[in-house]
Amino acid sequence: MRGFVYGLTLATLFDRRFAKPFVRLATDERLRAIEALDRDPRYGVRQAMAALKMLACFAYFDAPAVRARFECGAAPATARGAAP
């Protein structure tokens, strides 16, 4: 996974439209870069983007505020103290 992240970070450096590493792009350029990489004709680049999206979702749903909002990991209501 780390290789995907590094590869996609540097991918924009070698793209003439951006010519900078992803972290040095402005917000609107980042969005354009993500969209361009997601539509790239090369299968490996699109798969790397899919892996990055999954990583972002894992990080997002690992945040305590998000987990509390969705009650992730909570036991079903019938098991929380209700008699069997």
N, C-alpha and C. Protein backbone atom coordinates (compact mmCIF):
# COMPACT_ATOMS: atom_id res chain seq x y z
N MET A 1 0.82 -1.20 0.00
CA MET A 1 0.00 0.00 0.00
C MET A 1 0.86 1.26 0.00
N ARG A 2 1.91 1.23 0.77
CA ARG A 2 2.77 2.41 0.84
C ARG A 2 3.33 2.76 -0.54
N GLY A 3 3.64 1.74 -1.33
CA GLY A 3 4.14 1.97 -2.68
C GLY A 3 3.12 2.68 -3.56
N PHE A 4 1.84 2.31 -3.42
CA PHE A 4 0.78 2.98 -4.17
C PHE A 4 0.73 4.47 -3.81
N VAL A 5 0.79 4.75 -2.53
CA VAL A 5 0.71 6.14 -2.08
C VAL A 5 1.89 6.94 -2.61
N TYR A 6 3.10 6.41 -2.49
CA TYR A 6 4.27 7.12 -3.01
C TYR A 6 4.20 7.27 -4.52
N GLY A 7 3.78 6.23 -5.20
CA GLY A 7 3.69 6.29 -6.65
C GLY A 7 2.71 7.33 -7.14
N LEU A 8 1.55 7.39 -6.50
CA LEU A 8 0.55 8.38 -6.90
C LEU A 8 0.96 9.79 -6.50
N THR A 9 1.69 9.91 -5.40
CA THR A 9 2.19 11.22 -4.99
C THR A 9 3.16 11.77 -6.03
N LEU A 10 3.98 10.90 -6.58
CA LEU A 10 4.97 11.32 -7.57
C LEU A 10 4.44 11.32 -9.00
N ALA A 11 3.30 10.68 -9.24
CA ALA A 11 2.75 10.58 -10.59
C ALA A 11 2.50 11.96 -11.20
N THR A 12 2.04 12.90 -10.39
CA THR A 12 1.76 14.23 -10.93
C THR A 12 3.04 14.99 -11.28
N LEU A 13 4.14 14.59 -10.70
CA LEU A 13 5.43 15.22 -11.01
C LEU A 13 5.81 14.98 -12.47
N PHE A 14 5.47 13.83 -12.99
CA PHE A 14 5.83 13.46 -14.35
C PHE A 14 4.73 13.74 -15.37
N ASP A 15 3.64 14.35 -14.93
CA ASP A 15 2.55 14.72 -15.83
C ASP A 15 2.72 16.19 -16.22
N ARG A 16 2.79 16.47 -17.51
CA ARG A 16 3.02 17.85 -17.97
C ARG A 16 1.94 18.82 -17.52
N ARG A 17 0.73 18.33 -17.26
CA ARG A 17 -0.35 19.23 -16.82
C ARG A 17 -0.11 19.77 -15.42
N PHE A 18 0.64 19.03 -14.60
CA PHE A 18 0.83 19.42 -13.21
C PHE A 18 2.29 19.74 -12.88
N ALA A 19 3.20 18.87 -13.26
CA ALA A 19 4.65 19.05 -13.11
C ALA A 19 5.13 19.35 -11.69
N LYS A 20 4.36 18.92 -10.70
CA LYS A 20 4.74 19.05 -9.29
C LYS A 20 4.27 17.80 -8.56
N PRO A 21 4.90 17.48 -7.43
CA PRO A 21 4.37 16.37 -6.62
C PRO A 21 2.96 16.72 -6.13
N PHE A 22 2.17 15.73 -5.90
CA PHE A 22 0.77 15.92 -5.49
C PHE A 22 0.65 16.86 -4.29
N VAL A 23 1.52 16.71 -3.30
CA VAL A 23 1.42 17.50 -2.08
C VAL A 23 1.72 18.98 -2.31
N ARG A 24 2.34 19.33 -3.42
CA ARG A 24 2.66 20.74 -3.73
C ARG A 24 1.60 21.40 -4.60
N LEU A 25 0.58 20.66 -5.02
CA LEU A 25 -0.48 21.20 -5.87
C LEU A 25 -1.49 21.98 -5.04
N ALA A 26 -2.10 22.97 -5.67
CA ALA A 26 -3.20 23.71 -5.03
C ALA A 26 -4.42 22.78 -4.95
N THR A 27 -5.39 23.14 -4.15
CA THR A 27 -6.55 22.28 -3.92
C THR A 27 -7.28 21.94 -5.21
N ASP A 28 -7.54 22.93 -6.07
CA ASP A 28 -8.24 22.65 -7.32
C ASP A 28 -7.40 21.78 -8.25
N GLU A 29 -6.08 21.96 -8.24
CA GLU A 29 -5.20 21.12 -9.04
C GLU A 29 -5.19 19.68 -8.52
N ARG A 30 -5.26 19.52 -7.21
CA ARG A 30 -5.31 18.18 -6.63
C ARG A 30 -6.55 17.43 -7.09
N LEU A 31 -7.67 18.13 -7.08
CA LEU A 31 -8.91 17.50 -7.52
C LEU A 31 -8.81 17.10 -8.99
N ARG A 32 -8.29 17.97 -9.82
CA ARG A 32 -8.10 17.65 -11.24
C ARG A 32 -7.15 16.47 -11.41
N ALA A 33 -6.08 16.43 -10.61
CA ALA A 33 -5.11 15.34 -10.70
C ALA A 33 -5.75 14.01 -10.31
N ILE A 34 -6.54 14.01 -9.25
CA ILE A 34 -7.22 12.79 -8.81
C ILE A 34 -8.17 12.30 -9.90
N GLU A 35 -8.93 13.22 -10.49
CA GLU A 35 -9.85 12.85 -11.56
C GLU A 35 -9.09 12.32 -12.78
N ALA A 36 -7.97 12.95 -13.11
CA ALA A 36 -7.17 12.50 -14.26
C ALA A 36 -6.58 11.12 -14.00
N LEU A 37 -6.07 10.89 -12.81
CA LEU A 37 -5.51 9.57 -12.49
C LEU A 37 -6.58 8.49 -12.46
N ASP A 38 -7.77 8.86 -12.02
CA ASP A 38 -8.87 7.91 -11.96
C ASP A 38 -9.35 7.50 -13.36
N ARG A 39 -9.15 8.37 -14.34
CA ARG A 39 -9.55 8.08 -15.72
C ARG A 39 -8.37 7.67 -16.60
N ASP A 40 -7.22 7.46 -16.02
CA ASP A 40 -6.02 7.12 -16.78
C ASP A 40 -6.25 5.84 -17.59
N PRO A 41 -5.75 5.79 -18.82
CA PRO A 41 -5.96 4.59 -19.64
C PRO A 41 -5.19 3.37 -19.15
N ARG A 42 -4.19 3.57 -18.31
CA ARG A 42 -3.40 2.44 -17.81
C ARG A 42 -4.11 1.79 -16.61
N TYR A 43 -4.29 0.50 -16.73
CA TYR A 43 -5.00 -0.28 -15.70
C TYR A 43 -4.33 -0.15 -14.33
N GLY A 44 -3.02 -0.22 -14.28
CA GLY A 44 -2.30 -0.14 -13.01
C GLY A 44 -2.52 1.16 -12.27
N VAL A 45 -2.60 2.25 -13.01
CA VAL A 45 -2.84 3.56 -12.38
C VAL A 45 -4.25 3.60 -11.80
N ARG A 46 -5.22 3.11 -12.56
CA ARG A 46 -6.61 3.09 -12.05
C ARG A 46 -6.73 2.19 -10.82
N GLN A 47 -6.02 1.05 -10.81
CA GLN A 47 -6.05 0.16 -9.66
C GLN A 47 -5.39 0.81 -8.44
N ALA A 48 -4.32 1.55 -8.68
CA ALA A 48 -3.66 2.26 -7.58
C ALA A 48 -4.61 3.31 -7.00
N MET A 49 -5.38 3.97 -7.84
CA MET A 49 -6.36 4.94 -7.34
C MET A 49 -7.44 4.25 -6.52
N ALA A 50 -7.88 3.08 -6.96
CA ALA A 50 -8.89 2.34 -6.20
C ALA A 50 -8.34 1.95 -4.83
N ALA A 51 -7.08 1.54 -4.78
CA ALA A 51 -6.45 1.19 -3.50
C ALA A 51 -6.34 2.42 -2.60
N LEU A 52 -6.01 3.55 -3.19
CA LEU A 52 -5.90 4.79 -2.41
C LEU A 52 -7.26 5.21 -1.86
N LYS A 53 -8.31 5.02 -2.64
CA LYS A 53 -9.66 5.35 -2.16
C LYS A 53 -10.04 4.47 -0.96
N MET A 54 -9.70 3.19 -1.05
CA MET A 54 -9.99 2.29 0.08
C MET A 54 -9.22 2.72 1.32
N LEU A 55 -7.96 3.08 1.14
CA LEU A 55 -7.14 3.55 2.27
C LEU A 55 -7.76 4.79 2.90
N ALA A 56 -8.23 5.72 2.07
CA ALA A 56 -8.85 6.95 2.57
C ALA A 56 -10.12 6.62 3.36
N CYS A 57 -10.90 5.67 2.88
CA CYS A 57 -12.11 5.27 3.61
C CYS A 57 -11.76 4.64 4.95
N PHE A 58 -10.75 3.78 4.97
CA PHE A 58 -10.33 3.18 6.24
C PHE A 58 -9.91 4.26 7.23
N ALA A 59 -9.15 5.25 6.77
CA ALA A 59 -8.69 6.32 7.66
C ALA A 59 -9.87 7.16 8.14
N TYR A 60 -10.80 7.46 7.25
CA TYR A 60 -11.96 8.27 7.60
C TYR A 60 -12.81 7.57 8.67
N PHE A 61 -13.12 6.31 8.44
CA PHE A 61 -13.99 5.60 9.37
C PHE A 61 -13.27 5.15 10.64
N ASP A 62 -11.97 5.36 10.71
CA ASP A 62 -11.23 5.06 11.93
C ASP A 62 -11.27 6.24 12.91
N ALA A 63 -11.69 7.41 12.43
CA ALA A 63 -11.78 8.59 13.29
C ALA A 63 -12.87 8.39 14.34
N PRO A 64 -12.58 8.67 15.61
CA PRO A 64 -13.57 8.44 16.68
C PRO A 64 -14.91 9.16 16.45
N ALA A 65 -14.87 10.39 15.95
CA ALA A 65 -16.12 11.13 15.73
C ALA A 65 -16.98 10.46 14.66
N VAL A 66 -16.36 9.93 13.64
CA VAL A 66 -17.11 9.25 12.58
C VAL A 66 -17.66 7.93 13.09
N ARG A 67 -16.84 7.19 13.81
CA ARG A 67 -17.29 5.91 14.36
C ARG A 67 -18.47 6.12 15.31
N ALA A 68 -18.43 7.18 16.11
CA ALA A 68 -19.53 7.45 17.03
C ALA A 68 -20.80 7.82 16.26
N ARG A 69 -20.63 8.54 15.18
CA ARG A 69 -21.78 8.95 14.38
C ARG A 69 -22.50 7.75 13.79
N PHE A 70 -21.75 6.78 13.34
CA PHE A 70 -22.34 5.60 12.72
C PHE A 70 -22.46 4.42 13.69
N GLU A 71 -22.03 4.61 14.93
CA GLU A 71 -22.05 3.57 15.95
C GLU A 71 -21.38 2.29 15.46
N CYS A 72 -20.25 2.45 14.81
CA CYS A 72 -19.51 1.28 14.33
C CYS A 72 -19.01 0.46 15.52
N GLY A 73 -19.15 -0.80 15.42
CA GLY A 73 -18.65 -1.68 16.47
C GLY A 73 -19.59 -1.84 17.64
N ALA A 74 -20.71 -1.16 17.64
CA ALA A 74 -21.66 -1.29 18.74
C ALA A 74 -22.39 -2.62 18.63
N ALA A 75 -22.67 -3.18 19.76
CA ALA A 75 -23.39 -4.45 19.79
C ALA A 75 -24.85 -4.19 19.40
N PRO A 76 -25.52 -5.17 18.83
CA PRO A 76 -26.94 -5.01 18.50
C PRO A 76 -27.77 -4.68 19.75
N ALA A 77 -28.86 -4.01 19.58
CA ALA A 77 -29.69 -3.56 20.71
C ALA A 77 -30.14 -4.71 21.59
N THR A 78 -30.40 -5.85 21.01
CA THR A 78 -30.89 -6.99 21.81
C THR A 78 -29.80 -7.56 22.70
N ALA A 79 -28.54 -7.29 22.38
CA ALA A 79 -27.44 -7.86 23.17
C ALA A 79 -26.91 -6.89 24.21
N ARG A 80 -27.41 -5.65 24.23
CA ARG A 80 -26.89 -4.63 25.15
C ARG A 80 -27.58 -4.64 26.50
N GLY A 81 -27.77 -5.71 27.10
CA GLY A 81 -28.37 -5.71 28.43
C GLY A 81 -29.80 -6.26 28.42
N ALA A 82 -30.33 -6.57 27.28
CA ALA A 82 -31.67 -7.14 27.23
C ALA A 82 -31.58 -8.62 27.60
N ALA A 83 -32.59 -9.08 28.24
CA ALA A 83 -32.63 -10.51 28.61
C ALA A 83 -32.82 -11.35 27.37
N PRO A 84 -32.19 -12.51 27.32
CA PRO A 84 -32.33 -13.38 26.12
C PRO A 84 -33.71 -13.96 25.99
